[in-house]
Amino acid sequence: MDIQSKQLITFLYRWRKPLVIIPLVAAVVAAVASMPVFIKPLYTSTVVVFPATTNSPSKALLPQTSYQDQDFLEFGAEEQAEQFLQILHSDAIFDSISHRYNLMSHYDIDSSSRYKRYYLREEFNDKFSFKRTQFMSVEIAVQDVDPQLAADMANEVSDLADRSKSRIQRTRARIGLSIVNKEYSNLHQMILDMEEEMVVIRFKGVHDYENQSMVITEQLAMAIAASAKQSVINELHGMLDTLAKYGSRYVSLRDELRLMKEEEVKMRTKLSQVKMDATQVLPATFSVNRAVPSDKKSYPVRWLVLLLAAIASFVATLLSILISTTWKDLRSELGK
């Protein structure tokens, strides 16, 4: 054993009484100070949820080629978890919970203070915890002096976040519904107008331009070859003139109507999808467990308080003794 080690052991032995008694006293004081009379115990309740890949009813339930590989029963990945965390940290959740449970009064915050919202937010951030787990789920933990209230608030936060995400998406879907509905109405009206024009052209004798023109041309050639009456030839000429006058418009309307009706079918499908998203709701999360009242306090951890108090007092006592003895040695040396 070297000289320094012997000196250290000798030093600790010399001051053994204060180094033992003071940490013990500090531990006793900490034990008394951490009693429920002085520090209100806090109870923690936890909710664990998995964000869904999608909560769009149309994407989840209606057949769509672009979403065939998307399973609405599948748990969301990192992106969905981060989105859900962003909603949990939003002012909408904070304001709703604060108002519903009157947290201003519950946390004894002066409602007349100009910084009341700041103090309330600080208490909220201290008592409410939101984090992503390694399995891509989201954990919502709430601490409170009332275990039942902690469980109620944890469950309410989970439900509020779910509803908030659905509400945000439904708001956007309603705007989309209005746009698609307007476009569908315009397209449908255009088709009706074109069909009315087709009816007018049909009344003029144009029903199938290609076949009619071929048949009438053959009949005219046969009439001329057979030296038919001039009235018959003139009638056939008139029919060809009618086809020449309205035929191109008929063909244009017919082809355009075919394309527009195909577009109308697509638009009607999209309208059904957007209408479902705007009116129906699917949960945005899968609940792993609901919060229940805790039967054991989570704060303060008394053994940890006692240990830290004892260690801190031991270190403080040791430093005080070292400083005191060093100072005495210095004074004695300077006095010489």
C-alpha atoms as a PDB file:
ATOM      1  CA  MET A   1       0.000   0.000   0.000  1.00  0.00           C
ATOM      2  CA  ASP A   2       1.519   3.351  -1.036  1.00  0.00           C
ATOM      3  CA  ILE A   3       1.818   6.452   1.134  1.00  0.00           C
ATOM      4  CA  GLN A   4      -1.073   8.317  -0.544  1.00  0.00           C
ATOM      5  CA  SER A   5      -3.488   5.429   0.048  1.00  0.00           C
ATOM      6  CA  LYS A   6      -2.470   5.271   3.713  1.00  0.00           C
ATOM      7  CA  GLN A   7      -2.948   9.009   4.046  1.00  0.00           C
ATOM      8  CA  LEU A   8      -6.427   8.771   2.481  1.00  0.00           C
ATOM      9  CA  ILE A   9      -7.467   5.934   4.793  1.00  0.00           C
ATOM     10  CA  THR A  10      -6.064   7.783   7.775  1.00  0.00           C
ATOM     11  CA  PHE A  11      -7.883  10.945   6.736  1.00  0.00           C
ATOM     12  CA  LEU A  12     -11.236   9.142   6.309  1.00  0.00           C
ATOM     13  CA  TYR A  13     -10.809   7.338   9.598  1.00  0.00           C
ATOM     14  CA  ARG A  14      -9.959  10.546  11.399  1.00  0.00           C
ATOM     15  CA  TRP A  15     -13.140  12.203  10.141  1.00  0.00           C
ATOM     16  CA  ARG A  16     -15.275   9.072  10.223  1.00  0.00           C
ATOM     17  CA  LYS A  17     -17.869  10.466  12.594  1.00  0.00           C
ATOM     18  CA  PRO A  18     -18.968  13.527  10.574  1.00  0.00           C
ATOM     19  CA  LEU A  19     -18.657  11.541   7.306  1.00  0.00           C
ATOM     20  CA  VAL A  20     -21.069   8.934   8.661  1.00  0.00           C
ATOM     21  CA  ILE A  21     -23.350  10.950  10.915  1.00  0.00           C
ATOM     22  CA  ILE A  22     -24.040  13.840   8.517  1.00  0.00           C
ATOM     23  CA  PRO A  23     -25.126  11.581   5.557  1.00  0.00           C
ATOM     24  CA  LEU A  24     -27.328   9.599   7.943  1.00  0.00           C
ATOM     25  CA  VAL A  25     -28.929  12.796   9.238  1.00  0.00           C
ATOM     26  CA  ALA A  26     -29.397  13.996   5.664  1.00  0.00           C
ATOM     27  CA  ALA A  27     -31.046  10.692   4.732  1.00  0.00           C
ATOM     28  CA  VAL A  28     -33.418  10.980   7.709  1.00  0.00           C
ATOM     29  CA  VAL A  29     -34.269  14.562   6.776  1.00  0.00           C
ATOM     30  CA  ALA A  30     -34.843  13.497   3.157  1.00  0.00           C
ATOM     31  CA  ALA A  31     -37.079  10.657   4.330  1.00  0.00           C
ATOM     32  CA  VAL A  32     -39.186  13.075   6.363  1.00  0.00           C
ATOM     33  CA  ALA A  33     -39.227  15.727   3.628  1.00  0.00           C
ATOM     34  CA  SER A  34     -40.337  13.219   1.003  1.00  0.00           C
ATOM     35  CA  MET A  35     -43.349  12.096   3.007  1.00  0.00           C
ATOM     36  CA  PRO A  36     -46.788  12.695   1.399  1.00  0.00           C
ATOM     37  CA  VAL A  37     -47.388  15.474   3.927  1.00  0.00           C
ATOM     38  CA  PHE A  38     -44.649  17.559   2.293  1.00  0.00           C
ATOM     39  CA  ILE A  39     -44.485  16.202  -1.261  1.00  0.00           C
ATOM     40  CA  LYS A  40     -47.686  15.060  -2.907  1.00  0.00           C
ATOM     41  CA  PRO A  41     -47.116  11.683  -4.574  1.00  0.00           C
ATOM     42  CA  LEU A  42     -47.757  11.483  -8.304  1.00  0.00           C
ATOM     43  CA  TYR A  43     -49.307   8.508 -10.086  1.00  0.00           C
ATOM     44  CA  THR A  44     -48.591   7.685 -13.719  1.00  0.00           C
ATOM     45  CA  SER A  45     -51.034   6.218 -16.238  1.00  0.00           C
ATOM     46  CA  THR A  46     -49.968   5.202 -19.719  1.00  0.00           C
ATOM     47  CA  VAL A  47     -51.671   4.673 -23.074  1.00  0.00           C
ATOM     48  CA  VAL A  48     -49.897   2.938 -25.954  1.00  0.00           C
ATOM     49  CA  VAL A  49     -51.233   3.258 -29.493  1.00  0.00           C
ATOM     50  CA  PHE A  50     -50.067   2.362 -32.987  1.00  0.00           C
ATOM     51  CA  PRO A  51     -50.927   4.936 -35.675  1.00  0.00           C
ATOM     52  CA  ALA A  52     -52.752   3.401 -38.623  1.00  0.00           C
ATOM     53  CA  THR A  53     -51.287   3.400 -42.115  1.00  0.00           C
ATOM     54  CA  THR A  54     -54.408   5.207 -43.293  1.00  0.00           C
ATOM     55  CA  ASN A  55     -57.744   6.200 -41.807  1.00  0.00           C
ATOM     56  CA  SER A  56     -59.237   7.192 -45.164  1.00  0.00           C
ATOM     57  CA  PRO A  57     -62.387   5.045 -45.604  1.00  0.00           C
ATOM     58  CA  SER A  58     -62.259   5.245 -49.402  1.00  0.00           C
ATOM     59  CA  LYS A  59     -58.617   4.128 -49.586  1.00  0.00           C
ATOM     60  CA  ALA A  60     -59.199   1.452 -46.995  1.00  0.00           C
ATOM     61  CA  LEU A  61     -62.466  -0.026 -48.212  1.00  0.00           C
ATOM     62  CA  LEU A  62     -63.127   0.875 -51.857  1.00  0.00           C
ATOM     63  CA  PRO A  63     -61.264  -0.899 -54.697  1.00  0.00           C
ATOM     64  CA  GLN A  64     -58.616   1.398 -56.139  1.00  0.00           C
ATOM     65  CA  THR A  65     -55.795   0.343 -58.412  1.00  0.00           C
ATOM     66  CA  SER A  66     -53.305   2.822 -56.992  1.00  0.00           C
ATOM     67  CA  TYR A  67     -53.899   1.605 -53.410  1.00  0.00           C
ATOM     68  CA  GLN A  68     -54.185  -2.131 -53.932  1.00  0.00           C
ATOM     69  CA  ASP A  69     -51.090  -2.817 -51.844  1.00  0.00           C
ATOM     70  CA  GLN A  70     -52.232  -0.653 -48.917  1.00  0.00           C
ATOM     71  CA  ASP A  71     -53.665  -2.643 -46.036  1.00  0.00           C
ATOM     72  CA  PHE A  72     -55.778  -0.485 -43.736  1.00  0.00           C
ATOM     73  CA  LEU A  73     -55.239  -3.040 -40.945  1.00  0.00           C
ATOM     74  CA  GLU A  74     -51.480  -2.516 -41.117  1.00  0.00           C
ATOM     75  CA  PHE A  75     -49.703  -0.569 -38.366  1.00  0.00           C
ATOM     76  CA  GLY A  76     -48.152   2.710 -39.408  1.00  0.00           C
ATOM     77  CA  ALA A  77     -44.392   3.210 -39.661  1.00  0.00           C
ATOM     78  CA  GLU A  78     -42.086   6.021 -38.520  1.00  0.00           C
ATOM     79  CA  GLU A  79     -43.774   8.693 -40.642  1.00  0.00           C
ATOM     80  CA  GLN A  80     -47.231   8.027 -39.184  1.00  0.00           C
ATOM     81  CA  ALA A  81     -45.821   7.930 -35.636  1.00  0.00           C
ATOM     82  CA  GLU A  82     -44.115  11.308 -36.111  1.00  0.00           C
ATOM     83  CA  GLN A  83     -47.315  12.800 -37.530  1.00  0.00           C
ATOM     84  CA  PHE A  84     -49.290  11.545 -34.544  1.00  0.00           C
ATOM     85  CA  LEU A  85     -46.701  12.979 -32.141  1.00  0.00           C
ATOM     86  CA  GLN A  86     -47.014  16.351 -33.860  1.00  0.00           C
ATOM     87  CA  ILE A  87     -50.759  16.299 -33.260  1.00  0.00           C
ATOM     88  CA  LEU A  88     -50.236  15.351 -29.596  1.00  0.00           C
ATOM     89  CA  HIS A  89     -47.987  18.402 -29.129  1.00  0.00           C
ATOM     90  CA  SER A  90     -50.470  20.741 -30.813  1.00  0.00           C
ATOM     91  CA  ASP A  91     -52.285  23.586 -29.067  1.00  0.00           C
ATOM     92  CA  ALA A  92     -55.605  21.917 -29.886  1.00  0.00           C
ATOM     93  CA  ILE A  93     -54.828  19.023 -27.528  1.00  0.00           C
ATOM     94  CA  PHE A  94     -53.379  21.334 -24.871  1.00  0.00           C
ATOM     95  CA  ASP A  95     -56.367  23.696 -24.930  1.00  0.00           C
ATOM     96  CA  SER A  96     -58.962  20.925 -24.961  1.00  0.00           C
ATOM     97  CA  ILE A  97     -57.464  19.048 -22.005  1.00  0.00           C
ATOM     98  CA  SER A  98     -56.808  22.255 -20.058  1.00  0.00           C
ATOM     99  CA  HIS A  99     -60.380  23.407 -20.515  1.00  0.00           C
ATOM    100  CA  ARG A 100     -62.079  20.077 -19.921  1.00  0.00           C
ATOM    101  CA  TYR A 101     -60.227  19.293 -16.684  1.00  0.00           C
ATOM    102  CA  ASN A 102     -59.789  22.904 -15.530  1.00  0.00           C
ATOM    103  CA  LEU A 103     -56.045  22.436 -15.204  1.00  0.00           C
ATOM    104  CA  MET A 104     -55.521  26.095 -14.338  1.00  0.00           C
ATOM    105  CA  SER A 105     -57.279  25.527 -11.024  1.00  0.00           C
ATOM    106  CA  HIS A 106     -56.049  21.947 -10.637  1.00  0.00           C
ATOM    107  CA  TYR A 107     -52.403  23.066 -10.797  1.00  0.00           C
ATOM    108  CA  ASP A 108     -53.060  26.090  -8.522  1.00  0.00           C
ATOM    109  CA  ILE A 109     -52.074  28.632 -11.177  1.00  0.00           C
ATOM    110  CA  ASP A 110     -53.126  32.233 -10.649  1.00  0.00           C
ATOM    111  CA  SER A 111     -55.691  32.891 -13.381  1.00  0.00           C
ATOM    112  CA  SER A 112     -55.096  36.655 -13.088  1.00  0.00           C
ATOM    113  CA  SER A 113     -51.390  36.373 -13.892  1.00  0.00           C
ATOM    114  CA  ARG A 114     -50.260  37.705 -17.248  1.00  0.00           C
ATOM    115  CA  TYR A 115     -48.066  34.596 -17.597  1.00  0.00           C
ATOM    116  CA  LYS A 116     -50.782  32.114 -16.669  1.00  0.00           C
ATOM    117  CA  ARG A 117     -50.673  30.316 -20.046  1.00  0.00           C
ATOM    118  CA  TYR A 118     -46.891  30.018 -19.838  1.00  0.00           C
ATOM    119  CA  TYR A 119     -47.066  28.512 -16.342  1.00  0.00           C
ATOM    120  CA  LEU A 120     -49.878  26.201 -17.418  1.00  0.00           C
ATOM    121  CA  ARG A 121     -47.913  25.033 -20.435  1.00  0.00           C
ATOM    122  CA  GLU A 122     -44.891  24.358 -18.219  1.00  0.00           C
ATOM    123  CA  GLU A 123     -46.991  22.248 -15.852  1.00  0.00           C
ATOM    124  CA  PHE A 124     -48.574  20.465 -18.798  1.00  0.00           C
ATOM    125  CA  ASN A 125     -45.201  19.631 -20.356  1.00  0.00           C
ATOM    126  CA  ASP A 126     -43.991  18.402 -16.967  1.00  0.00           C
ATOM    127  CA  LYS A 127     -46.994  16.144 -16.308  1.00  0.00           C
ATOM    128  CA  PHE A 128     -47.783  14.978 -19.862  1.00  0.00           C
ATOM    129  CA  SER A 129     -45.261  12.934 -21.813  1.00  0.00           C
ATOM    130  CA  PHE A 130     -45.513  11.834 -25.473  1.00  0.00           C
ATOM    131  CA  LYS A 131     -42.826   9.697 -27.068  1.00  0.00           C
ATOM    132  CA  ARG A 132     -42.275   7.180 -29.822  1.00  0.00           C
ATOM    133  CA  THR A 133     -41.174   3.724 -28.781  1.00  0.00           C
ATOM    134  CA  GLN A 134     -38.654   1.529 -30.543  1.00  0.00           C
ATOM    135  CA  PHE A 135     -41.544  -0.480 -32.016  1.00  0.00           C
ATOM    136  CA  MET A 136     -43.013   2.631 -33.752  1.00  0.00           C
ATOM    137  CA  SER A 137     -45.886   2.896 -31.305  1.00  0.00           C
ATOM    138  CA  VAL A 138     -46.647   6.119 -29.423  1.00  0.00           C
ATOM    139  CA  GLU A 139     -46.691   6.203 -25.630  1.00  0.00           C
ATOM    140  CA  ILE A 140     -48.848   8.759 -23.814  1.00  0.00           C
ATOM    141  CA  ALA A 141     -48.017   9.076 -20.112  1.00  0.00           C
ATOM    142  CA  VAL A 142     -49.773  11.371 -17.630  1.00  0.00           C
ATOM    143  CA  GLN A 143     -48.779  12.067 -14.024  1.00  0.00           C
ATOM    144  CA  ASP A 144     -51.159  13.422 -11.424  1.00  0.00           C
ATOM    145  CA  VAL A 145     -51.835  13.358  -7.693  1.00  0.00           C
ATOM    146  CA  ASP A 146     -55.148  11.627  -8.473  1.00  0.00           C
ATOM    147  CA  PRO A 147     -54.564   8.208 -10.107  1.00  0.00           C
ATOM    148  CA  GLN A 148     -58.076   8.113 -11.591  1.00  0.00           C
ATOM    149  CA  LEU A 149     -57.679  11.587 -13.074  1.00  0.00           C
ATOM    150  CA  ALA A 150     -54.312  10.642 -14.555  1.00  0.00           C
ATOM    151  CA  ALA A 151     -55.905   7.631 -16.282  1.00  0.00           C
ATOM    152  CA  ASP A 152     -58.870   9.687 -17.509  1.00  0.00           C
ATOM    153  CA  MET A 153     -56.644  12.404 -18.958  1.00  0.00           C
ATOM    154  CA  ALA A 154     -54.342   9.893 -20.664  1.00  0.00           C
ATOM    155  CA  ASN A 155     -57.300   8.197 -22.340  1.00  0.00           C
ATOM    156  CA  GLU A 156     -58.820  11.545 -23.269  1.00  0.00           C
ATOM    157  CA  VAL A 157     -55.574  12.732 -24.877  1.00  0.00           C
ATOM    158  CA  SER A 158     -55.467   9.566 -26.979  1.00  0.00           C
ATOM    159  CA  ASP A 159     -59.077   9.979 -28.081  1.00  0.00           C
ATOM    160  CA  LEU A 160     -58.625  13.686 -28.793  1.00  0.00           C
ATOM    161  CA  ALA A 161     -55.552  13.091 -30.948  1.00  0.00           C
ATOM    162  CA  ASP A 162     -57.416  10.403 -32.894  1.00  0.00           C
ATOM    163  CA  ARG A 163     -60.392  12.704 -33.447  1.00  0.00           C
ATOM    164  CA  SER A 164     -58.137  15.658 -34.289  1.00  0.00           C
ATOM    165  CA  LYS A 165     -56.378  13.761 -37.043  1.00  0.00           C
ATOM    166  CA  SER A 166     -59.702  12.554 -38.448  1.00  0.00           C
ATOM    167  CA  ARG A 167     -61.144  16.076 -38.232  1.00  0.00           C
ATOM    168  CA  ILE A 168     -58.176  17.580 -40.101  1.00  0.00           C
ATOM    169  CA  GLN A 169     -58.518  15.017 -42.862  1.00  0.00           C
ATOM    170  CA  ARG A 170     -62.320  15.361 -43.059  1.00  0.00           C
ATOM    171  CA  THR A 171     -61.992  19.148 -43.339  1.00  0.00           C
ATOM    172  CA  ARG A 172     -59.687  18.713 -46.302  1.00  0.00           C
ATOM    173  CA  ALA A 173     -61.960  16.009 -47.732  1.00  0.00           C
ATOM    174  CA  ARG A 174     -64.981  18.348 -47.537  1.00  0.00           C
ATOM    175  CA  ILE A 175     -63.107  20.968 -49.546  1.00  0.00           C
ATOM    176  CA  GLY A 176     -62.173  18.282 -52.054  1.00  0.00           C
ATOM    177  CA  LEU A 177     -65.791  17.093 -52.123  1.00  0.00           C
ATOM    178  CA  SER A 178     -66.985  20.589 -52.986  1.00  0.00           C
ATOM    179  CA  ILE A 179     -64.449  20.855 -55.827  1.00  0.00           C
ATOM    180  CA  VAL A 180     -65.138  17.389 -57.260  1.00  0.00           C
ATOM    181  CA  ASN A 181     -68.898  17.835 -56.923  1.00  0.00           C
ATOM    182  CA  LYS A 182     -68.729  21.125 -58.831  1.00  0.00           C
ATOM    183  CA  GLU A 183     -66.593  19.615 -61.584  1.00  0.00           C
ATOM    184  CA  TYR A 184     -68.866  16.597 -61.834  1.00  0.00           C
ATOM    185  CA  SER A 185     -71.944  18.827 -62.114  1.00  0.00           C
ATOM    186  CA  ASN A 186     -70.280  20.882 -64.858  1.00  0.00           C
ATOM    187  CA  LEU A 187     -69.262  17.767 -66.753  1.00  0.00           C
ATOM    188  CA  HIS A 188     -72.716  16.225 -66.405  1.00  0.00           C
ATOM    189  CA  GLN A 189     -74.354  19.425 -67.679  1.00  0.00           C
ATOM    190  CA  MET A 190     -72.021  19.524 -70.671  1.00  0.00           C
ATOM    191  CA  ILE A 191     -72.990  15.942 -71.504  1.00  0.00           C
ATOM    192  CA  LEU A 192     -76.695  16.813 -71.256  1.00  0.00           C
ATOM    193  CA  ASP A 193     -76.220  19.817 -73.557  1.00  0.00           C
ATOM    194  CA  MET A 194     -74.354  17.728 -76.081  1.00  0.00           C
ATOM    195  CA  GLU A 195     -76.986  14.991 -75.972  1.00  0.00           C
ATOM    196  CA  GLU A 196     -79.711  17.586 -76.603  1.00  0.00           C
ATOM    197  CA  GLU A 197     -77.755  18.826 -79.624  1.00  0.00           C
ATOM    198  CA  MET A 198     -77.453  15.234 -80.821  1.00  0.00           C
ATOM    199  CA  VAL A 199     -81.220  14.860 -80.563  1.00  0.00           C
ATOM    200  CA  VAL A 200     -81.696  17.969 -82.718  1.00  0.00           C
ATOM    201  CA  ILE A 201     -79.307  16.585 -85.340  1.00  0.00           C
ATOM    202  CA  ARG A 202     -81.110  13.226 -85.327  1.00  0.00           C
ATOM    203  CA  PHE A 203     -84.417  14.990 -85.950  1.00  0.00           C
ATOM    204  CA  LYS A 204     -82.798  16.441 -89.060  1.00  0.00           C
ATOM    205  CA  GLY A 205     -82.146  12.892 -90.258  1.00  0.00           C
ATOM    206  CA  VAL A 206     -78.569  12.146 -89.179  1.00  0.00           C
ATOM    207  CA  HIS A 207     -78.512   8.957 -87.112  1.00  0.00           C
ATOM    208  CA  ASP A 208     -75.402   7.073 -88.215  1.00  0.00           C
ATOM    209  CA  TYR A 209     -73.281   9.241 -90.451  1.00  0.00           C
ATOM    210  CA  GLU A 210     -70.920   6.634 -91.862  1.00  0.00           C
ATOM    211  CA  ASN A 211     -73.518   3.962 -92.680  1.00  0.00           C
ATOM    212  CA  GLN A 212     -76.106   6.479 -93.865  1.00  0.00           C
ATOM    213  CA  SER A 213     -73.700   8.222 -96.233  1.00  0.00           C
ATOM    214  CA  MET A 214     -72.573   4.888 -97.683  1.00  0.00           C
ATOM    215  CA  VAL A 215     -76.114   3.551 -98.179  1.00  0.00           C
ATOM    216  CA  ILE A 216     -77.515   6.810 -99.640  1.00  0.00           C
ATOM    217  CA  THR A 217     -74.558   7.152-102.006  1.00  0.00           C
ATOM    218  CA  GLU A 218     -75.156   3.600-103.266  1.00  0.00           C
ATOM    219  CA  GLN A 219     -78.886   4.279-103.674  1.00  0.00           C
ATOM    220  CA  LEU A 220     -78.159   7.504-105.599  1.00  0.00           C
ATOM    221  CA  ALA A 221     -75.777   5.705-107.939  1.00  0.00           C
ATOM    222  CA  MET A 222     -78.335   2.962-108.535  1.00  0.00           C
ATOM    223  CA  ALA A 223     -81.120   5.533-109.134  1.00  0.00           C
ATOM    224  CA  ILE A 224     -79.018   7.419-111.656  1.00  0.00           C
ATOM    225  CA  ALA A 225     -78.017   4.190-113.379  1.00  0.00           C
ATOM    226  CA  ALA A 226     -81.643   3.038-113.535  1.00  0.00           C
ATOM    227  CA  SER A 227     -82.806   6.453-114.800  1.00  0.00           C
ATOM    228  CA  ALA A 228     -85.138   6.830-111.831  1.00  0.00           C
ATOM    229  CA  LYS A 229     -87.475   9.735-111.440  1.00  0.00           C
ATOM    230  CA  GLN A 230     -85.855  13.098-110.881  1.00  0.00           C
ATOM    231  CA  SER A 231     -87.846  13.534-107.653  1.00  0.00           C
ATOM    232  CA  VAL A 232     -86.219  10.387-106.218  1.00  0.00           C
ATOM    233  CA  ILE A 233     -82.779  11.562-107.265  1.00  0.00           C
ATOM    234  CA  ASN A 234     -83.418  15.020-105.813  1.00  0.00           C
ATOM    235  CA  GLU A 235     -84.585  13.455-102.531  1.00  0.00           C
ATOM    236  CA  LEU A 236     -81.404  11.398-102.301  1.00  0.00           C
ATOM    237  CA  HIS A 237     -79.343  14.508-103.096  1.00  0.00           C
ATOM    238  CA  GLY A 238     -81.148  16.334-100.299  1.00  0.00           C
ATOM    239  CA  MET A 239     -80.386  13.574 -97.860  1.00  0.00           C
ATOM    240  CA  LEU A 240     -76.703  13.716 -98.801  1.00  0.00           C
ATOM    241  CA  ASP A 241     -76.734  17.492 -98.399  1.00  0.00           C
ATOM    242  CA  THR A 242     -78.171  17.073 -94.891  1.00  0.00           C
ATOM    243  CA  LEU A 243     -75.465  14.560 -94.037  1.00  0.00           C
ATOM    244  CA  ALA A 244     -72.824  16.903 -95.454  1.00  0.00           C
ATOM    245  CA  LYS A 245     -74.187  19.805 -93.412  1.00  0.00           C
ATOM    246  CA  TYR A 246     -74.605  18.084 -90.034  1.00  0.00           C
ATOM    247  CA  GLY A 247     -72.480  14.952 -90.400  1.00  0.00           C
ATOM    248  CA  SER A 248     -69.180  16.372 -89.195  1.00  0.00           C
ATOM    249  CA  ARG A 249     -70.809  17.900 -86.121  1.00  0.00           C
ATOM    250  CA  TYR A 250     -72.597  14.627 -85.444  1.00  0.00           C
ATOM    251  CA  VAL A 251     -69.336  12.661 -85.598  1.00  0.00           C
ATOM    252  CA  SER A 252     -67.570  15.218 -83.408  1.00  0.00           C
ATOM    253  CA  LEU A 253     -70.351  15.145 -80.805  1.00  0.00           C
ATOM    254  CA  ARG A 254     -70.555  11.368 -80.841  1.00  0.00           C
ATOM    255  CA  ASP A 255     -66.820  10.843 -80.315  1.00  0.00           C
ATOM    256  CA  GLU A 256     -66.578  13.595 -77.700  1.00  0.00           C
ATOM    257  CA  LEU A 257     -69.594  12.212 -75.841  1.00  0.00           C
ATOM    258  CA  ARG A 258     -67.997   8.785 -75.701  1.00  0.00           C
ATOM    259  CA  LEU A 259     -64.864  10.227 -74.101  1.00  0.00           C
ATOM    260  CA  MET A 260     -66.788  12.491 -71.769  1.00  0.00           C
ATOM    261  CA  LYS A 261     -68.988   9.657 -70.533  1.00  0.00           C
ATOM    262  CA  GLU A 262     -65.869   7.643 -69.727  1.00  0.00           C
ATOM    263  CA  GLU A 263     -64.596  10.671 -67.822  1.00  0.00           C
ATOM    264  CA  GLU A 264     -67.964  10.997 -66.101  1.00  0.00           C
ATOM    265  CA  VAL A 265     -67.692   7.426 -64.822  1.00  0.00           C
ATOM    266  CA  LYS A 266     -64.230   8.184 -63.385  1.00  0.00           C
ATOM    267  CA  MET A 267     -65.471  11.440 -61.893  1.00  0.00           C
ATOM    268  CA  ARG A 268     -68.466   9.701 -60.335  1.00  0.00           C
ATOM    269  CA  THR A 269     -66.141   7.133 -58.760  1.00  0.00           C
ATOM    270  CA  LYS A 270     -63.912   9.873 -57.399  1.00  0.00           C
ATOM    271  CA  LEU A 271     -66.973  11.701 -56.086  1.00  0.00           C
ATOM    272  CA  SER A 272     -68.077   8.591 -54.197  1.00  0.00           C
ATOM    273  CA  GLN A 273     -64.616   8.198 -52.712  1.00  0.00           C
ATOM    274  CA  VAL A 274     -64.322  11.812 -51.591  1.00  0.00           C
ATOM    275  CA  LYS A 275     -67.872  11.777 -50.230  1.00  0.00           C
ATOM    276  CA  MET A 276     -67.028   8.721 -48.131  1.00  0.00           C
ATOM    277  CA  ASP A 277     -63.874  10.416 -46.796  1.00  0.00           C
ATOM    278  CA  ALA A 278     -65.865  13.559 -45.934  1.00  0.00           C
ATOM    279  CA  THR A 279     -68.693  11.788 -44.121  1.00  0.00           C
ATOM    280  CA  GLN A 280     -67.313   8.526 -42.706  1.00  0.00           C
ATOM    281  CA  VAL A 281     -64.665   8.023 -40.034  1.00  0.00           C
ATOM    282  CA  LEU A 282     -62.127   5.286 -39.376  1.00  0.00           C
ATOM    283  CA  PRO A 283     -59.976   5.314 -36.221  1.00  0.00           C
ATOM    284  CA  ALA A 284     -56.555   6.860 -36.819  1.00  0.00           C
ATOM    285  CA  THR A 285     -54.900   4.553 -34.267  1.00  0.00           C
ATOM    286  CA  PHE A 286     -54.841   1.010 -32.956  1.00  0.00           C
ATOM    287  CA  SER A 287     -55.079   1.049 -29.168  1.00  0.00           C
ATOM    288  CA  VAL A 288     -52.681  -1.402 -27.532  1.00  0.00           C
ATOM    289  CA  ASN A 289     -53.825  -0.623 -24.013  1.00  0.00           C
ATOM    290  CA  ARG A 290     -56.054   1.918 -22.314  1.00  0.00           C
ATOM    291  CA  ALA A 291     -54.864   3.782 -19.240  1.00  0.00           C
ATOM    292  CA  VAL A 292     -55.960   2.489 -15.851  1.00  0.00           C
ATOM    293  CA  PRO A 293     -55.502   4.088 -12.418  1.00  0.00           C
ATOM    294  CA  SER A 294     -52.098   3.215 -10.970  1.00  0.00           C
ATOM    295  CA  ASP A 295     -52.021   1.682  -7.489  1.00  0.00           C
ATOM    296  CA  LYS A 296     -48.392   2.683  -6.921  1.00  0.00           C
ATOM    297  CA  LYS A 297     -46.948   6.175  -6.962  1.00  0.00           C
ATOM    298  CA  SER A 298     -44.249   6.996  -9.492  1.00  0.00           C
ATOM    299  CA  TYR A 299     -42.952  10.135  -7.764  1.00  0.00           C
ATOM    300  CA  PRO A 300     -41.129  10.684  -5.529  1.00  0.00           C
ATOM    301  CA  VAL A 301     -39.017   7.512  -5.463  1.00  0.00           C
ATOM    302  CA  ARG A 302     -38.110   7.644  -1.780  1.00  0.00           C
ATOM    303  CA  TRP A 303     -35.157   5.243  -1.842  1.00  0.00           C
ATOM    304  CA  LEU A 304     -33.603   7.269  -4.647  1.00  0.00           C
ATOM    305  CA  VAL A 305     -34.198  10.499  -2.734  1.00  0.00           C
ATOM    306  CA  LEU A 306     -32.540   9.040   0.371  1.00  0.00           C
ATOM    307  CA  LEU A 307     -29.592   7.710  -1.628  1.00  0.00           C
ATOM    308  CA  LEU A 308     -28.996  10.998  -3.448  1.00  0.00           C
ATOM    309  CA  ALA A 309     -29.332  12.971  -0.215  1.00  0.00           C
ATOM    310  CA  ALA A 310     -26.827  10.721   1.542  1.00  0.00           C
ATOM    311  CA  ILE A 311     -24.337  10.850  -1.360  1.00  0.00           C
ATOM    312  CA  ALA A 312     -24.674  14.614  -1.751  1.00  0.00           C
ATOM    313  CA  SER A 313     -24.211  15.247   1.962  1.00  0.00           C
ATOM    314  CA  PHE A 314     -21.212  12.881   2.081  1.00  0.00           C
ATOM    315  CA  VAL A 315     -19.530  14.674  -0.824  1.00  0.00           C
ATOM    316  CA  ALA A 316     -20.357  18.089   0.633  1.00  0.00           C
ATOM    317  CA  THR A 317     -19.008  17.083   4.059  1.00  0.00           C
ATOM    318  CA  LEU A 318     -15.868  15.636   2.551  1.00  0.00           C
ATOM    319  CA  LEU A 319     -15.216  18.774   0.487  1.00  0.00           C
ATOM    320  CA  SER A 320     -15.853  20.990   3.527  1.00  0.00           C
ATOM    321  CA  ILE A 321     -13.380  19.017   5.621  1.00  0.00           C
ATOM    322  CA  LEU A 322     -10.779  19.089   2.855  1.00  0.00           C
ATOM    323  CA  ILE A 323     -11.155  22.827   2.365  1.00  0.00           C
ATOM    324  CA  SER A 324     -11.066  23.464   6.133  1.00  0.00           C
ATOM    325  CA  THR A 325      -7.983  21.334   6.785  1.00  0.00           C
ATOM    326  CA  THR A 326      -6.205  22.703   3.717  1.00  0.00           C
ATOM    327  CA  TRP A 327      -6.916  26.247   4.823  1.00  0.00           C
ATOM    328  CA  LYS A 328      -5.595  25.529   8.334  1.00  0.00           C
ATOM    329  CA  ASP A 329      -2.430  23.978   6.890  1.00  0.00           C
ATOM    330  CA  LEU A 330      -1.925  27.003   4.647  1.00  0.00           C
ATOM    331  CA  ARG A 331      -2.381  29.427   7.528  1.00  0.00           C
ATOM    332  CA  SER A 332       0.066  27.485   9.697  1.00  0.00           C
ATOM    333  CA  GLU A 333       2.663  27.448   6.921  1.00  0.00           C
ATOM    334  CA  LEU A 334       2.210  31.163   6.238  1.00  0.00           C
ATOM    335  CA  GLY A 335       2.441  31.856   9.976  1.00  0.00           C
ATOM    336  CA  LYS A 336       5.859  30.263  10.052  1.00  0.00           C
END
